């Protein structure tokens, strides 16, 4: 500690501290400008992406409302997604059952852990990982099915309307909602 205090009081230490402080102050001015510009750029890109996504959403609603064949294909895809999602849930449950109740040594994975049988524990890990993968796939398909269901519900009130009128109505509703929320 004495050595550290003696070093701090030397002229070389004091001069180097001042020089480093000045250099950091100069560099920070340039960094601040760069950081500010990058934040503005990221915000602009996010706004543009949101507007493109919103327009794509309302084009989809327009197609569902006014094109019967597209609507039929969309409904078939929605039902297929539901079927695949439920099938993946069933596989996930099956793999969990295999892992917990019977993993090659006729012991569940918890019993294998308690009885300290490493081979049985390792044999139970693969079905658990498979169950997790099937669960993630099921979530993807079932959430997409739910989103498609909302699209279909939204499209029912826009049958026979042009895209421009649908998009204008949607942007007006969004603007009113943003004003109410104080955005």
Protein backbone atom coordinates (compact mmCIF):
# COMPACT_ATOMS: atom_id res chain seq x y z
CA UNK A 1 0.00 0.00 0.00
CA UNK A 2 2.87 2.35 0.84
CA UNK A 3 4.46 1.61 -2.52
CA UNK A 4 1.20 2.40 -4.33
CA UNK A 5 0.80 5.73 -2.53
CA UNK A 6 4.41 6.65 -3.28
CA UNK A 7 3.86 5.90 -6.96
CA UNK A 8 0.71 8.03 -7.07
CA UNK A 9 2.58 11.08 -5.81
CA UNK A 10 5.33 10.97 -8.43
CA UNK A 11 5.25 13.60 -11.21
CA UNK A 12 5.23 10.92 -13.93
CA UNK A 13 2.04 9.41 -12.50
CA UNK A 14 0.32 12.76 -12.21
CA UNK A 15 1.27 13.83 -15.77
CA UNK A 16 0.26 10.49 -17.28
CA UNK A 17 -3.10 10.65 -15.48
CA UNK A 18 -3.80 14.12 -16.91
CA UNK A 19 -2.71 13.07 -20.43
CA UNK A 20 -4.87 9.93 -20.36
CA UNK A 21 -7.83 11.95 -19.08
CA UNK A 22 -7.50 14.47 -21.92
CA UNK A 23 -7.18 11.70 -24.52
CA UNK A 24 -10.26 9.92 -23.15
CA UNK A 25 -12.22 13.18 -23.27
CA UNK A 26 -11.29 13.73 -26.93
CA UNK A 27 -12.07 10.14 -27.96
CA UNK A 28 -15.37 10.13 -26.08
CA UNK A 29 -16.64 13.06 -28.17
CA UNK A 30 -16.14 11.06 -31.36
CA UNK A 31 -17.59 7.91 -29.83
CA UNK A 32 -20.67 9.79 -28.64
CA UNK A 33 -21.41 11.02 -32.17
CA UNK A 34 -21.00 7.52 -33.60
CA UNK A 35 -23.20 5.97 -30.94
CA UNK A 36 -25.90 8.62 -31.47
CA UNK A 37 -25.89 8.03 -35.24
CA UNK A 38 -26.10 4.25 -34.81
CA UNK A 39 -29.04 4.58 -32.39
CA UNK A 40 -30.89 6.78 -34.90
CA UNK A 41 -30.15 4.30 -37.70
CA UNK A 42 -31.39 1.33 -35.66
CA UNK A 43 -34.57 3.22 -34.74
CA UNK A 44 -35.22 4.17 -38.37
CA UNK A 45 -34.71 0.58 -39.53
CA UNK A 46 -37.06 -0.72 -36.83
CA UNK A 47 -39.74 1.75 -37.89
CA UNK A 48 -39.35 0.82 -41.57
CA UNK A 49 -39.46 -2.88 -40.73
CA UNK A 50 -42.60 -2.39 -38.65
CA UNK A 51 -44.34 -0.50 -41.45
CA UNK A 52 -43.40 -3.18 -44.01
CA UNK A 53 -44.64 -5.90 -41.66
CA UNK A 54 -47.89 -4.00 -41.09
CA UNK A 55 -48.47 -3.57 -44.81
CA UNK A 56 -47.72 -7.25 -45.44
CA UNK A 57 -50.20 -8.19 -42.70
CA UNK A 58 -53.00 -6.10 -44.23
CA UNK A 59 -52.24 -7.39 -47.74
CA UNK A 60 -52.70 -10.88 -46.33
CA UNK A 61 -56.02 -9.85 -44.76
CA UNK A 62 -57.11 -8.38 -48.11
CA UNK A 63 -56.19 -11.59 -49.97
CA UNK A 64 -58.05 -13.71 -47.42
CA UNK A 65 -61.13 -11.51 -47.63
CA UNK A 66 -61.33 -11.28 -51.42
CA UNK A 67 -59.75 -14.39 -52.94
CA UNK A 68 -61.74 -17.53 -52.20
CA UNK A 69 -59.12 -19.93 -53.51
CA UNK A 70 -56.38 -18.27 -51.45
CA UNK A 71 -58.67 -18.38 -48.42
CA UNK A 72 -59.28 -22.10 -48.95
CA UNK A 73 -55.54 -22.85 -49.28
CA UNK A 74 -54.87 -20.74 -46.21
CA UNK A 75 -57.46 -22.66 -44.18
CA UNK A 76 -55.97 -25.98 -45.35
CA UNK A 77 -52.49 -24.81 -44.28
CA UNK A 78 -53.91 -23.71 -40.93
CA UNK A 79 -55.49 -27.11 -40.35
CA UNK A 80 -52.30 -28.87 -41.43
CA UNK A 81 -50.33 -26.79 -38.96
CA UNK A 82 -52.78 -27.77 -36.23
CA UNK A 83 -52.46 -31.46 -37.13
CA UNK A 84 -48.65 -31.37 -37.22
CA UNK A 85 -48.54 -29.41 -33.95
CA UNK A 86 -50.81 -31.87 -32.16
CA UNK A 87 -48.85 -34.81 -33.59
CA UNK A 88 -45.62 -33.28 -32.27
CA UNK A 89 -47.26 -32.83 -28.86
CA UNK A 90 -48.20 -36.52 -28.88
CA UNK A 91 -44.64 -37.53 -29.80
CA UNK A 92 -43.29 -35.28 -27.07
CA UNK A 93 -45.58 -36.92 -24.49
CA UNK A 94 -44.56 -40.36 -25.75
CA UNK A 95 -40.84 -39.61 -25.44
CA UNK A 96 -41.36 -38.20 -21.95
CA UNK A 97 -43.23 -41.36 -21.00
CA UNK A 98 -40.35 -43.47 -22.33
CA UNK A 99 -37.79 -41.40 -20.43
CA UNK A 100 -39.64 -41.34 -17.15
CA UNK A 101 -41.03 -44.86 -17.05
CA UNK A 102 -38.84 -47.16 -19.07
CA UNK A 103 -35.41 -46.31 -20.44
CA UNK A 104 -33.83 -49.59 -21.40
CA UNK A 105 -33.13 -50.85 -17.91
CA UNK A 106 -36.84 -50.91 -17.04
CA UNK A 107 -36.27 -48.02 -14.66
CA UNK A 108 -37.41 -44.48 -15.07
CA UNK A 109 -34.72 -41.83 -15.28
CA UNK A 110 -35.45 -40.64 -11.73
CA UNK A 111 -35.10 -44.17 -10.36
CA UNK A 112 -31.84 -44.55 -12.30
CA UNK A 113 -30.51 -41.34 -10.75
CA UNK A 114 -31.47 -42.48 -7.24
CA UNK A 115 -29.98 -45.94 -7.79
CA UNK A 116 -26.84 -44.34 -9.30
CA UNK A 117 -26.89 -46.19 -12.60
CA UNK A 118 -25.09 -43.90 -15.05
CA UNK A 119 -25.87 -46.04 -18.10
CA UNK A 120 -29.58 -45.84 -17.40
CA UNK A 121 -29.37 -42.08 -16.85
CA UNK A 122 -27.62 -41.60 -20.18
CA UNK A 123 -30.21 -43.81 -21.88
CA UNK A 124 -32.93 -41.58 -20.43
CA UNK A 125 -31.40 -38.32 -21.67
CA UNK A 126 -32.01 -38.99 -25.38
CA UNK A 127 -35.80 -39.36 -25.01
CA UNK A 128 -35.93 -36.21 -22.88
CA UNK A 129 -34.02 -34.24 -25.53
CA UNK A 130 -36.30 -35.67 -28.22
CA UNK A 131 -39.35 -34.65 -26.19
CA UNK A 132 -37.97 -31.11 -25.89
CA UNK A 133 -37.37 -30.86 -29.62
CA UNK A 134 -40.85 -32.12 -30.44
CA UNK A 135 -42.29 -29.68 -27.91
CA UNK A 136 -40.53 -26.74 -29.59
CA UNK A 137 -41.74 -27.83 -33.02
CA UNK A 138 -45.29 -28.22 -31.66
CA UNK A 139 -45.13 -24.70 -30.21
CA UNK A 140 -44.05 -23.33 -33.60
CA UNK A 141 -46.86 -25.01 -35.53
CA UNK A 142 -49.60 -24.34 -32.98
CA UNK A 143 -48.66 -20.69 -32.52
CA UNK A 144 -48.63 -20.21 -36.31
CA UNK A 145 -52.05 -21.87 -36.48
CA UNK A 146 -53.35 -19.45 -33.85
CA UNK A 147 -51.93 -16.48 -35.77
CA UNK A 148 -53.59 -17.74 -38.96
CA UNK A 149 -56.87 -18.09 -37.08
CA UNK A 150 -56.65 -14.42 -36.07
CA UNK A 151 -55.97 -13.49 -39.71
CA UNK A 152 -59.10 -15.34 -40.79
CA UNK A 153 -61.19 -13.66 -38.10
CA UNK A 154 -59.87 -10.23 -39.14
CA UNK A 155 -60.51 -10.91 -42.83
CA UNK A 156 -64.21 -11.66 -42.32
CA UNK A 157 -65.03 -7.99 -41.72
CA UNK A 158 -63.21 -6.81 -44.88
CA UNK A 159 -64.92 -8.92 -47.54
CA UNK A 160 -65.39 -6.97 -50.78
CA UNK A 161 -63.19 -4.01 -49.79
CA UNK A 162 -60.10 -2.80 -51.64
CA UNK A 163 -56.64 -3.01 -50.13
CA UNK A 164 -56.35 0.77 -49.98
CA UNK A 165 -59.52 1.12 -47.91
CA UNK A 166 -58.49 -1.74 -45.60
CA UNK A 167 -55.00 -0.29 -45.10
CA UNK A 168 -56.36 3.23 -44.55
CA UNK A 169 -58.81 1.96 -41.93
CA UNK A 170 -56.06 -0.03 -40.21
CA UNK A 171 -53.61 2.88 -40.11
CA UNK A 172 -56.31 5.21 -38.74
CA UNK A 173 -57.12 2.70 -35.99
CA UNK A 174 -53.41 2.32 -35.19
CA UNK A 175 -52.94 6.10 -35.03
CA UNK A 176 -55.93 6.49 -32.70
CA UNK A 177 -54.61 3.67 -30.48
CA UNK A 178 -51.16 5.28 -30.38
CA UNK A 179 -52.68 8.62 -29.38
CA UNK A 180 -54.66 6.99 -26.57
CA UNK A 181 -51.52 5.27 -25.30
CA UNK A 182 -49.47 8.47 -25.55
CA UNK A 183 -46.94 7.31 -28.17
